[in-house]
């Protein structure tokens, strides 16, 4: 099957061919663990997960690595992210988002990183993010790779790509790498002061070129610091990913690198310069694939506008007023094409909840009718072939979902075969929990003990012809998020997913 992905490096769709037959080496930029991951983060992460799952569907072994940045780093116009997190932790404690005792010392960046790493993994696993289930093997933490960063910086200095400035800071020399700017479209004459450095303007006089960026900063006073040949200090942001990608994937050139479009410059541009400068290769990844931005109800997501949502905000009902099943959020975040800006809306969540519920109910029906019978199915099946062919066109998720919805309405006279087809499609979509594939196996639309107790009480009230009590219980069930169906002799309830 011919597969095409849009390559940000060449600004065109290209046929995908892996370096090693049958194996894909893929790296995704992960979270900086100084707060809860928001839905924009997960939009970017889950498109990478969709890509991985599709490649596995068509037969590739995908070695997927995503970093966890738990090292503080300087950013333009802002204090060190891990240190700045202290005030955020205090705010989250006041609001109850961080329980008392969860972080004993809010000024300790290591405790902050540990807490938010666990929070990220919890959210990511609920959303069926495959690489999160492989932590820590496929999700390295930057603090575990400081030695590798020092070695890479030494190599860059040896090869003439880096230098130690008069203030002791180690910089990458962008002029030593003529290809710098090819990914983002920036050229040396367009790069403004500090644009590639992520350090304040006071350091510009120490640089050979305004766009030279930080590799190591000596700083005895910094909380997060390590010994190095250039003094006790800490690494720059960009060097982390270059080192972890090389060490975890085991080669100088990888197949695919993913991330949000906000990382193209300077982060990914700097990754390329470092990795190629160290290895001597002409490129770092064959395919650079980026997801576009997420908006909320048509506006840019921001805390000042009150429309900034983390994944757990959505789970806990802070968006719609009632809890949302992780399957619904996952489906909402993957159902639009990754190269289009996504508009996240309450109506979209409701529509996704209805779709996911129908799909889960279909699977339950097929499983019941199959009566334990198993069927084997592969891409020779025309439905699965059409589904995969759509995704092979630059992850055309709309086309894949159209194939699925048409198939749902078709004849299912062989429930075992239909069940096998659905499970194969769900191995990519991961929205109906089955055998460990997909989102959290929490509420799948059934009823819980409290809901069941109210249902039984409602049945008893109707048998006693106490219809006022029955109506009161029905309203309570609806308010609690249940769909209530009243028949002649029975009452059935089903928990809504959103």
Foldseek 3Di string as FASTA:
>chain_A
DWFWAQFLLVRGIDTADFPDPQEAEEEEEAEAQLDFAFLFRVLQLLVVQLVCLLSVQQRHHYQYAYEYELDWAFAEPDHTSLQVSLVVVVVCCVVVVQDPPQQPRSRQSVSSNVSSLVNHLVLCQQFQRPVSVVPPLRYPYLVVCQVLLLVLLVLLVVLVQWDQFPQLFIWGDVVVQCCQCSSVVDDLVRDDACQQARDYNVCCVRDPGRNIYTAWDADPPDNDWDQHPSHITDGHDQSSRLRCSCVSSVDLEGAEYEYAPVCSPPRVSVSFSSSCSNPVDSGRYPGYHHFYGEAEQPHRDDVVVVRTGGSVCQQCCVQPNHGARSLLSLCLSLQDARHDYHYHYPVSSVVSLVVLLVLLVLLVVLVVVLVPDADDDGCVPVLNVQLSVCCSHNHNNNSNVVSVVVVSPDDCPPSNVVNNSSVSSCLSSQRHDDPSGHRDPPASFADDPVLVVLQVVLLVCVVVVVVVSNVVSVVVLVVNQWDWDDDPRGIGITHGND
